[in-house]
Amino acid sequence: MTSPRIRTAVAGTALLALAALSACGSNASGTGALSDAGTASTGPVGIASSGSPAALPSGGSTATTPAHGTTTHTATPPSFPNTAQAYAQKAVNAYAHGQTALVKDYSNAGGVTSFQHLGHADTHWTFHASRPNGSDTDCLFDNDNGDRITVTLDPTMLGKPHAVTTAFIDRTEFGNSADGAVGALIQAWGDGDLPRVGAIGTAGTESSLSARTAPPSWTLSDTPLSDGGVDYTVVSASTPDGTLTFRVKNSAIGHAHAVSLQSG
C-alpha cells in the first residue's frame, strides 16, 4: 500500500507538471486451584504504534499502475468466515498487525473498544481452543510468550461483519517469589498454556510437564538452598498424584525460565 509520504511526493510532482504545462499554455506462595484463563484485560490503550504496519482502508488494497505512470489502489473487501475459529483468527491477526480498519470490520463497537485496550504483545498467535460462553463462543489463542487472548463472538453474526463482541488478554507473569513462580507455572500447565509453562520454566520442564496431567489443586512449601555459591529455593508441590519438586534460581525470580522441575 502506498504510504502517505509517497502520495504526497506524487501530488507534488503533479503540481510541478501542471505548472510546466501552464507556462506552455496547456491545462493515507500458597495454595492454588485451576481457573478459567483468558479473562483478565490488561495493558495500555492503543492497538497500533508508530512502528506498527499502516492500517488498510477496508481489508487490504490492490495496486494498479495506469499508463500515465501513477499508482492507484482498489480496496479489497475482507472475508468473513462461517466458523468461529477462522473468524476469530482473522480478528486476532488484524489486531496483531495494527490493522485498525480490519479490527472494525470484524468487531462491533464493544469489540473495537476492547481491542483498543489490549496494548501490545508478541504477534505470533496460535489457536488453542473454542468453548461456549452462554449463547456466544470464546476462541482462545496463545502467543510465543504465553500470553492468552480470548475473543468472544456472536455465532449469529458469523459470515457477516462485526461478529466479535469482546477481546481480553491474560498476560504471562513470572511471580515475585519462588512459590509464586511455581504456582504460576502449575496454573499455566493446568490451563494448557504450554508456551507460558516454557516462558516461566526451563525447556526441560515444559517438555516433562507436557506429557503429564496437571493437578486440579496443590499446596506449596519452600526450602532455601545454596549450591556452589548460587542460591536457590526448592519448592515442593503436594498434589493428589504425589509430590513434585521444583528448583527456582533466586536471582531469576521475576524473570523468564527461573523454574526447573527436579523430580516427581
C-alpha atoms as a PDB file:
ATOM      1  CA  MET A   1       0.000   0.000   0.000  1.00  0.00           C
ATOM      2  CA  THR A   2       1.425   3.416  -0.922  1.00  0.00           C
ATOM      3  CA  SER A   3       2.314   5.385   2.213  1.00  0.00           C
ATOM      4  CA  PRO A   4       1.091   8.953   2.840  1.00  0.00           C
ATOM      5  CA  ARG A   5       4.651  10.220   2.271  1.00  0.00           C
ATOM      6  CA  ILE A   6       4.766   8.650  -1.227  1.00  0.00           C
ATOM      7  CA  ARG A   7       1.352  10.000  -2.130  1.00  0.00           C
ATOM      8  CA  THR A   8       2.480  13.485  -1.068  1.00  0.00           C
ATOM      9  CA  ALA A   9       5.505  13.181  -3.322  1.00  0.00           C
ATOM     10  CA  VAL A  10       3.307  12.135  -6.255  1.00  0.00           C
ATOM     11  CA  ALA A  11       0.984  15.078  -5.615  1.00  0.00           C
ATOM     12  CA  GLY A  12       3.935  17.443  -5.554  1.00  0.00           C
ATOM     13  CA  THR A  13       5.187  16.053  -8.865  1.00  0.00           C
ATOM     14  CA  ALA A  14       1.747  16.545 -10.368  1.00  0.00           C
ATOM     15  CA  LEU A  15       1.729  20.195  -9.283  1.00  0.00           C
ATOM     16  CA  LEU A  16       5.121  20.779 -10.880  1.00  0.00           C
ATOM     17  CA  ALA A  17       3.891  19.171 -14.081  1.00  0.00           C
ATOM     18  CA  LEU A  18       0.807  21.395 -14.097  1.00  0.00           C
ATOM     19  CA  ALA A  19       2.975  24.477 -13.576  1.00  0.00           C
ATOM     20  CA  ALA A  20       5.163  23.478 -16.507  1.00  0.00           C
ATOM     21  CA  LEU A  21       2.133  22.908 -18.710  1.00  0.00           C
ATOM     22  CA  SER A  22       0.672  26.262 -17.679  1.00  0.00           C
ATOM     23  CA  ALA A  23       3.852  28.007 -18.731  1.00  0.00           C
ATOM     24  CA  CYS A  24       3.401  26.472 -22.192  1.00  0.00           C
ATOM     25  CA  GLY A  25      -0.260  27.457 -22.482  1.00  0.00           C
ATOM     26  CA  SER A  26      -1.596  23.873 -21.555  1.00  0.00           C
ATOM     27  CA  ASN A  27      -4.154  22.634 -18.759  1.00  0.00           C
ATOM     28  CA  ALA A  28      -3.343   7.559   3.565  1.00  0.00           C
ATOM     29  CA  SER A  29       3.208 -18.868  47.996  1.00  0.00           C
ATOM     30  CA  GLY A  30       0.300 -20.536  48.876  1.00  0.00           C
ATOM     31  CA  THR A  31      -2.386 -22.876  47.678  1.00  0.00           C
ATOM     32  CA  GLY A  32      -3.765 -22.892  44.207  1.00  0.00           C
ATOM     33  CA  ALA A  33      -6.664 -24.146  42.151  1.00  0.00           C
ATOM     34  CA  LEU A  34      -7.185 -24.086  38.437  1.00  0.00           C
ATOM     35  CA  SER A  35      -9.432 -21.415  36.974  1.00  0.00           C
ATOM     36  CA  ASP A  36     -10.551 -20.335  33.512  1.00  0.00           C
ATOM     37  CA  ALA A  37      -7.811 -18.413  31.744  1.00  0.00           C
ATOM     38  CA  GLY A  38      -8.051 -15.504  29.376  1.00  0.00           C
ATOM     39  CA  THR A  39     -10.467 -13.295  31.281  1.00  0.00           C
ATOM     40  CA  ALA A  40      -8.168 -10.552  32.559  1.00  0.00           C
ATOM     41  CA  SER A  41      -7.780  -7.464  30.435  1.00  0.00           C
ATOM     42  CA  THR A  42      -4.553  -5.542  30.878  1.00  0.00           C
ATOM     43  CA  GLY A  43      -2.207  -3.229  29.081  1.00  0.00           C
ATOM     44  CA  PRO A  44      -2.255   0.354  27.927  1.00  0.00           C
ATOM     45  CA  VAL A  45      -4.780   1.704  25.482  1.00  0.00           C
ATOM     46  CA  GLY A  46      -3.889   1.517  21.835  1.00  0.00           C
ATOM     47  CA  ILE A  47      -3.792  -1.016  19.034  1.00  0.00           C
ATOM     48  CA  ALA A  48      -1.012   0.381  16.877  1.00  0.00           C
ATOM     49  CA  SER A  49       2.111   2.440  17.375  1.00  0.00           C
ATOM     50  CA  SER A  50       4.356   4.334  15.036  1.00  0.00           C
ATOM     51  CA  GLY A  51       6.216   1.073  14.464  1.00  0.00           C
ATOM     52  CA  SER A  52       3.075  -0.885  13.505  1.00  0.00           C
ATOM     53  CA  PRO A  53       2.091  -1.562   9.903  1.00  0.00           C
ATOM     54  CA  ALA A  54      -0.267   1.046   8.499  1.00  0.00           C
ATOM     55  CA  ALA A  55      -3.956   0.228   8.694  1.00  0.00           C
ATOM     56  CA  LEU A  56      -5.548  -0.908   5.480  1.00  0.00           C
ATOM     57  CA  PRO A  57      -8.616   1.071   4.377  1.00  0.00           C
ATOM     58  CA  SER A  58     -11.009  -1.879   4.164  1.00  0.00           C
ATOM     59  CA  GLY A  59      -9.289  -5.217   4.492  1.00  0.00           C
ATOM     60  CA  GLY A  60      -6.492  -4.556   2.007  1.00  0.00           C
ATOM     61  CA  SER A  61      -5.795  -2.983  -1.340  1.00  0.00           C
ATOM     62  CA  THR A  62      -4.756  -3.967  -4.823  1.00  0.00           C
ATOM     63  CA  ALA A  63      -2.282  -1.696  -6.600  1.00  0.00           C
ATOM     64  CA  THR A  64      -2.647  -0.911 -10.293  1.00  0.00           C
ATOM     65  CA  THR A  65      -0.410   1.237 -12.488  1.00  0.00           C
ATOM     66  CA  PRO A  66      -2.209   3.149 -15.244  1.00  0.00           C
ATOM     67  CA  ALA A  67      -0.489   4.065 -18.494  1.00  0.00           C
ATOM     68  CA  HIS A  68       0.413   7.567 -17.229  1.00  0.00           C
ATOM     69  CA  GLY A  69       2.713   6.011 -14.537  1.00  0.00           C
ATOM     70  CA  THR A  70       0.894   6.902 -11.243  1.00  0.00           C
ATOM     71  CA  THR A  71      -0.247   4.192  -8.779  1.00  0.00           C
ATOM     72  CA  THR A  72      -3.834   3.828  -7.552  1.00  0.00           C
ATOM     73  CA  HIS A  73      -5.365   1.422  -5.020  1.00  0.00           C
ATOM     74  CA  THR A  74      -8.588  -0.534  -5.274  1.00  0.00           C
ATOM     75  CA  ALA A  75      -9.944  -1.687  -1.889  1.00  0.00           C
ATOM     76  CA  THR A  76     -10.257  -5.478  -1.444  1.00  0.00           C
ATOM     77  CA  PRO A  77     -13.259  -6.327   0.784  1.00  0.00           C
ATOM     78  CA  PRO A  78     -12.364  -8.540   3.819  1.00  0.00           C
ATOM     79  CA  SER A  79     -13.729 -12.091   4.014  1.00  0.00           C
ATOM     80  CA  PHE A  80     -15.998 -13.116   6.903  1.00  0.00           C
ATOM     81  CA  PRO A  81     -15.610 -16.850   7.728  1.00  0.00           C
ATOM     82  CA  ASN A  82     -18.550 -19.012   8.769  1.00  0.00           C
ATOM     83  CA  THR A  83     -16.658 -20.729  11.633  1.00  0.00           C
ATOM     84  CA  ALA A  84     -15.777 -19.130  14.986  1.00  0.00           C
ATOM     85  CA  GLN A  85     -12.127 -20.229  14.909  1.00  0.00           C
ATOM     86  CA  ALA A  86     -11.411 -18.858  11.437  1.00  0.00           C
ATOM     87  CA  TYR A  87     -13.303 -15.630  12.138  1.00  0.00           C
ATOM     88  CA  ALA A  88     -11.526 -15.042  15.456  1.00  0.00           C
ATOM     89  CA  GLN A  89      -8.170 -15.781  13.851  1.00  0.00           C
ATOM     90  CA  LYS A  90      -8.710 -13.024  11.298  1.00  0.00           C
ATOM     91  CA  ALA A  91      -9.646 -10.571  14.058  1.00  0.00           C
ATOM     92  CA  VAL A  92      -6.565 -11.501  16.108  1.00  0.00           C
ATOM     93  CA  ASN A  93      -4.307 -11.208  13.060  1.00  0.00           C
ATOM     94  CA  ALA A  94      -5.709  -7.744  12.349  1.00  0.00           C
ATOM     95  CA  TYR A  95      -5.058  -6.679  15.966  1.00  0.00           C
ATOM     96  CA  ALA A  96      -1.540  -8.152  15.913  1.00  0.00           C
ATOM     97  CA  HIS A  97      -0.585  -6.244  12.769  1.00  0.00           C
ATOM     98  CA  GLY A  98      -2.141  -2.937  13.773  1.00  0.00           C
ATOM     99  CA  GLN A  99      -4.790  -3.077  11.036  1.00  0.00           C
ATOM    100  CA  THR A 100      -7.396  -0.970  12.809  1.00  0.00           C
ATOM    101  CA  ALA A 101      -9.728  -0.791   9.819  1.00  0.00           C
ATOM    102  CA  LEU A 102      -9.921  -4.586   9.737  1.00  0.00           C
ATOM    103  CA  VAL A 103     -10.453  -4.742  13.517  1.00  0.00           C
ATOM    104  CA  LYS A 104     -13.509  -2.536  12.969  1.00  0.00           C
ATOM    105  CA  ASP A 105     -14.707  -4.774  10.139  1.00  0.00           C
ATOM    106  CA  TYR A 106     -14.627  -7.873  12.377  1.00  0.00           C
ATOM    107  CA  SER A 107     -15.831  -6.292  15.647  1.00  0.00           C
ATOM    108  CA  ASN A 108     -18.897  -4.486  16.914  1.00  0.00           C
ATOM    109  CA  ALA A 109     -18.451  -1.250  18.869  1.00  0.00           C
ATOM    110  CA  GLY A 110     -17.717  -3.072  22.162  1.00  0.00           C
ATOM    111  CA  GLY A 111     -15.243  -5.386  20.445  1.00  0.00           C
ATOM    112  CA  VAL A 112     -13.367  -2.469  18.913  1.00  0.00           C
ATOM    113  CA  THR A 113     -13.057  -0.797  22.324  1.00  0.00           C
ATOM    114  CA  SER A 114     -11.766  -3.980  23.983  1.00  0.00           C
ATOM    115  CA  PHE A 115      -9.125  -4.473  21.273  1.00  0.00           C
ATOM    116  CA  GLN A 116      -8.023  -0.885  21.820  1.00  0.00           C
ATOM    117  CA  HIS A 117      -7.349  -1.704  25.493  1.00  0.00           C
ATOM    118  CA  LEU A 118      -5.227  -4.803  24.868  1.00  0.00           C
ATOM    119  CA  GLY A 119      -1.972  -2.952  24.316  1.00  0.00           C
ATOM    120  CA  HIS A 120       0.962  -4.614  22.562  1.00  0.00           C
ATOM    121  CA  ALA A 121       2.047  -8.256  22.749  1.00  0.00           C
ATOM    122  CA  ASP A 122       4.064 -10.825  20.845  1.00  0.00           C
ATOM    123  CA  THR A 123       2.333 -11.111  17.465  1.00  0.00           C
ATOM    124  CA  HIS A 124       2.664 -14.883  16.848  1.00  0.00           C
ATOM    125  CA  TRP A 125      -0.768 -16.136  17.939  1.00  0.00           C
ATOM    126  CA  THR A 126      -1.686 -19.841  17.776  1.00  0.00           C
ATOM    127  CA  PHE A 127      -5.215 -21.178  18.202  1.00  0.00           C
ATOM    128  CA  HIS A 128      -5.720 -23.065  21.488  1.00  0.00           C
ATOM    129  CA  ALA A 129      -9.409 -23.905  21.837  1.00  0.00           C
ATOM    130  CA  SER A 130     -13.013 -22.827  21.392  1.00  0.00           C
ATOM    131  CA  ARG A 131     -15.659 -23.084  24.092  1.00  0.00           C
ATOM    132  CA  PRO A 132     -19.237 -21.931  24.653  1.00  0.00           C
ATOM    133  CA  ASN A 133     -19.831 -18.755  26.635  1.00  0.00           C
ATOM    134  CA  GLY A 134     -23.579 -18.617  27.173  1.00  0.00           C
ATOM    135  CA  SER A 135     -25.060 -18.018  23.756  1.00  0.00           C
ATOM    136  CA  ASP A 136     -21.683 -16.771  22.480  1.00  0.00           C
ATOM    137  CA  THR A 137     -18.439 -18.560  21.591  1.00  0.00           C
ATOM    138  CA  ASP A 138     -14.989 -17.938  23.056  1.00  0.00           C
ATOM    139  CA  CYS A 139     -11.874 -18.614  20.979  1.00  0.00           C
ATOM    140  CA  LEU A 140      -8.537 -18.758  22.813  1.00  0.00           C
ATOM    141  CA  PHE A 141      -5.127 -18.057  21.266  1.00  0.00           C
ATOM    142  CA  ASP A 142      -1.641 -18.248  22.829  1.00  0.00           C
ATOM    143  CA  ASN A 143       1.428 -16.356  21.670  1.00  0.00           C
ATOM    144  CA  ASP A 144       5.107 -17.282  21.967  1.00  0.00           C
ATOM    145  CA  ASN A 145       5.373 -15.501  25.328  1.00  0.00           C
ATOM    146  CA  GLY A 146       2.472 -17.499  26.782  1.00  0.00           C
ATOM    147  CA  ASP A 147       0.036 -14.565  26.750  1.00  0.00           C
ATOM    148  CA  ARG A 148      -3.507 -15.792  26.116  1.00  0.00           C
ATOM    149  CA  ILE A 149      -6.132 -13.800  24.262  1.00  0.00           C
ATOM    150  CA  THR A 150      -9.816 -14.705  24.418  1.00  0.00           C
ATOM    151  CA  VAL A 151     -12.022 -13.477  21.591  1.00  0.00           C
ATOM    152  CA  THR A 152     -15.782 -13.700  22.088  1.00  0.00           C
ATOM    153  CA  LEU A 153     -18.054 -13.906  19.048  1.00  0.00           C
ATOM    154  CA  ASP A 154     -21.781 -13.790  18.397  1.00  0.00           C
ATOM    155  CA  PRO A 155     -22.435 -17.022  16.421  1.00  0.00           C
ATOM    156  CA  THR A 156     -25.418 -15.468  14.666  1.00  0.00           C
ATOM    157  CA  MET A 157     -23.066 -12.959  13.049  1.00  0.00           C
ATOM    158  CA  LEU A 158     -20.614 -15.469  11.565  1.00  0.00           C
ATOM    159  CA  GLY A 159     -20.208 -14.910   7.850  1.00  0.00           C
ATOM    160  CA  LYS A 160     -21.087 -11.231   8.367  1.00  0.00           C
ATOM    161  CA  PRO A 161     -19.238  -8.131   9.611  1.00  0.00           C
ATOM    162  CA  HIS A 162     -18.903  -7.288  13.339  1.00  0.00           C
ATOM    163  CA  ALA A 163     -19.189 -10.785  14.923  1.00  0.00           C
ATOM    164  CA  VAL A 164     -16.557 -10.105  17.628  1.00  0.00           C
ATOM    165  CA  THR A 165     -18.098  -8.674  20.797  1.00  0.00           C
ATOM    166  CA  THR A 166     -15.133  -8.626  23.229  1.00  0.00           C
ATOM    167  CA  ALA A 167     -11.422  -9.445  23.437  1.00  0.00           C
ATOM    168  CA  PHE A 168      -9.361  -9.937  26.603  1.00  0.00           C
ATOM    169  CA  ILE A 169      -5.699 -10.714  27.171  1.00  0.00           C
ATOM    170  CA  ASP A 170      -4.208 -12.639  30.098  1.00  0.00           C
ATOM    171  CA  ARG A 171      -0.507 -11.813  30.117  1.00  0.00           C
ATOM    172  CA  THR A 172       2.246 -14.082  31.385  1.00  0.00           C
ATOM    173  CA  GLU A 173       3.518 -13.111  34.841  1.00  0.00           C
ATOM    174  CA  PHE A 174       6.629 -14.667  36.376  1.00  0.00           C
ATOM    175  CA  GLY A 175       5.818 -14.233  40.076  1.00  0.00           C
ATOM    176  CA  ASN A 176       7.740 -12.182  42.639  1.00  0.00           C
ATOM    177  CA  SER A 177       8.682 -15.129  44.877  1.00  0.00           C
ATOM    178  CA  ALA A 178       9.808 -18.719  44.380  1.00  0.00           C
ATOM    179  CA  ASP A 179       6.469 -20.256  45.263  1.00  0.00           C
ATOM    180  CA  GLY A 180       4.697 -17.560  43.245  1.00  0.00           C
ATOM    181  CA  ALA A 181       6.687 -18.565  40.178  1.00  0.00           C
ATOM    182  CA  VAL A 182       5.938 -22.259  40.722  1.00  0.00           C
ATOM    183  CA  GLY A 183       2.254 -21.542  41.328  1.00  0.00           C
ATOM    184  CA  ALA A 184       2.054 -19.548  38.091  1.00  0.00           C
ATOM    185  CA  LEU A 185       3.754 -22.399  36.232  1.00  0.00           C
ATOM    186  CA  ILE A 186       1.355 -25.037  37.597  1.00  0.00           C
ATOM    187  CA  GLN A 187      -1.637 -22.826  36.775  1.00  0.00           C
ATOM    188  CA  ALA A 188      -0.403 -22.403  33.196  1.00  0.00           C
ATOM    189  CA  TRP A 189       0.144 -26.164  32.982  1.00  0.00           C
ATOM    190  CA  GLY A 190      -3.440 -26.792  34.051  1.00  0.00           C
ATOM    191  CA  ASP A 191      -4.748 -24.188  31.610  1.00  0.00           C
ATOM    192  CA  GLY A 192      -2.976 -25.970  28.779  1.00  0.00           C
ATOM    193  CA  ASP A 193      -0.872 -22.894  28.105  1.00  0.00           C
ATOM    194  CA  LEU A 194       2.399 -24.675  27.324  1.00  0.00           C
ATOM    195  CA  PRO A 195       4.051 -21.562  25.855  1.00  0.00           C
ATOM    196  CA  ARG A 196       3.582 -19.954  29.290  1.00  0.00           C
ATOM    197  CA  VAL A 197       4.989 -23.052  31.004  1.00  0.00           C
ATOM    198  CA  GLY A 198       8.005 -22.705  28.720  1.00  0.00           C
ATOM    199  CA  ALA A 199       8.324 -18.995  29.477  1.00  0.00           C
ATOM    200  CA  ILE A 200       8.250 -19.464  33.262  1.00  0.00           C
ATOM    201  CA  GLY A 201      10.191 -22.732  33.339  1.00  0.00           C
ATOM    202  CA  THR A 202      13.128 -24.258  31.562  1.00  0.00           C
ATOM    203  CA  ALA A 203      12.767 -26.093  28.243  1.00  0.00           C
ATOM    204  CA  GLY A 204      13.161 -29.431  30.047  1.00  0.00           C
ATOM    205  CA  THR A 205      10.389 -28.534  32.478  1.00  0.00           C
ATOM    206  CA  GLU A 206       7.974 -27.692  29.682  1.00  0.00           C
ATOM    207  CA  SER A 207       8.792 -30.941  27.883  1.00  0.00           C
ATOM    208  CA  SER A 208       8.332 -33.042  31.038  1.00  0.00           C
ATOM    209  CA  LEU A 209       5.056 -31.463  32.150  1.00  0.00           C
ATOM    210  CA  SER A 210       3.520 -31.532  28.669  1.00  0.00           C
ATOM    211  CA  ALA A 211       3.372 -35.323  28.926  1.00  0.00           C
ATOM    212  CA  ARG A 212       1.596 -35.279  32.312  1.00  0.00           C
ATOM    213  CA  THR A 213      -1.786 -34.278  33.659  1.00  0.00           C
ATOM    214  CA  ALA A 214      -1.889 -31.149  35.817  1.00  0.00           C
ATOM    215  CA  PRO A 215      -3.416 -31.410  39.294  1.00  0.00           C
ATOM    216  CA  PRO A 216      -6.745 -29.676  39.982  1.00  0.00           C
ATOM    217  CA  SER A 217      -5.253 -28.186  43.181  1.00  0.00           C
ATOM    218  CA  TRP A 218      -1.931 -28.071  45.005  1.00  0.00           C
ATOM    219  CA  THR A 219      -0.156 -26.924  48.182  1.00  0.00           C
ATOM    220  CA  LEU A 220       3.310 -25.398  48.040  1.00  0.00           C
ATOM    221  CA  SER A 221       6.163 -25.333  50.578  1.00  0.00           C
ATOM    222  CA  ASP A 222       9.656 -23.946  50.018  1.00  0.00           C
ATOM    223  CA  THR A 223      13.148 -24.523  51.394  1.00  0.00           C
ATOM    224  CA  PRO A 224      16.156 -22.214  50.779  1.00  0.00           C
ATOM    225  CA  LEU A 225      19.223 -23.915  49.287  1.00  0.00           C
ATOM    226  CA  SER A 226      22.776 -22.872  48.486  1.00  0.00           C
ATOM    227  CA  ASP A 227      24.565 -24.876  45.816  1.00  0.00           C
ATOM    228  CA  GLY A 228      28.075 -23.898  44.791  1.00  0.00           C
ATOM    229  CA  GLY A 229      27.571 -20.323  45.886  1.00  0.00           C
ATOM    230  CA  VAL A 230      24.322 -19.987  43.931  1.00  0.00           C
ATOM    231  CA  ASP A 231      21.170 -19.525  45.990  1.00  0.00           C
ATOM    232  CA  TYR A 232      18.094 -21.497  45.065  1.00  0.00           C
ATOM    233  CA  THR A 233      14.734 -22.248  46.599  1.00  0.00           C
ATOM    234  CA  VAL A 234      13.311 -25.747  46.367  1.00  0.00           C
ATOM    235  CA  VAL A 235       9.539 -25.671  46.139  1.00  0.00           C
ATOM    236  CA  SER A 236       7.551 -28.829  46.788  1.00  0.00           C
ATOM    237  CA  ALA A 237       4.079 -29.056  45.300  1.00  0.00           C
ATOM    238  CA  SER A 238       1.867 -31.563  47.093  1.00  0.00           C
ATOM    239  CA  THR A 239      -0.746 -32.756  44.620  1.00  0.00           C
ATOM    240  CA  PRO A 240      -3.352 -35.548  44.627  1.00  0.00           C
ATOM    241  CA  ASP A 241      -0.966 -37.616  42.460  1.00  0.00           C
ATOM    242  CA  GLY A 242       2.145 -37.128  44.597  1.00  0.00           C
ATOM    243  CA  THR A 243       4.787 -34.515  45.280  1.00  0.00           C
ATOM    244  CA  LEU A 244       6.578 -32.516  42.605  1.00  0.00           C
ATOM    245  CA  THR A 245       9.865 -30.803  43.409  1.00  0.00           C
ATOM    246  CA  PHE A 246      10.846 -27.606  41.617  1.00  0.00           C
ATOM    247  CA  ARG A 247      14.065 -25.642  41.881  1.00  0.00           C
ATOM    248  CA  VAL A 248      13.967 -21.860  41.497  1.00  0.00           C
ATOM    249  CA  LYS A 249      17.088 -19.778  40.972  1.00  0.00           C
ATOM    250  CA  ASN A 250      16.615 -16.845  43.344  1.00  0.00           C
ATOM    251  CA  SER A 251      18.398 -14.324  41.152  1.00  0.00           C
ATOM    252  CA  ALA A 252      15.996 -15.193  38.305  1.00  0.00           C
ATOM    253  CA  ILE A 253      12.769 -14.714  40.267  1.00  0.00           C
ATOM    254  CA  GLY A 254      10.530 -12.330  38.374  1.00  0.00           C
ATOM    255  CA  HIS A 255      12.159 -13.256  35.072  1.00  0.00           C
ATOM    256  CA  ALA A 256      11.728 -15.932  32.427  1.00  0.00           C
ATOM    257  CA  HIS A 257      12.956 -19.541  32.832  1.00  0.00           C
ATOM    258  CA  ALA A 258      13.523 -19.355  36.590  1.00  0.00           C
ATOM    259  CA  VAL A 259      11.841 -22.694  37.395  1.00  0.00           C
ATOM    260  CA  SER A 260      13.077 -26.222  36.697  1.00  0.00           C
ATOM    261  CA  LEU A 261      11.360 -29.499  37.598  1.00  0.00           C
ATOM    262  CA  GLN A 262      13.687 -31.675  39.681  1.00  0.00           C
ATOM    263  CA  SER A 263      11.570 -34.728  40.485  1.00  0.00           C
ATOM    264  CA  GLY A 264       8.050 -36.036  40.664  1.00  0.00           C
END
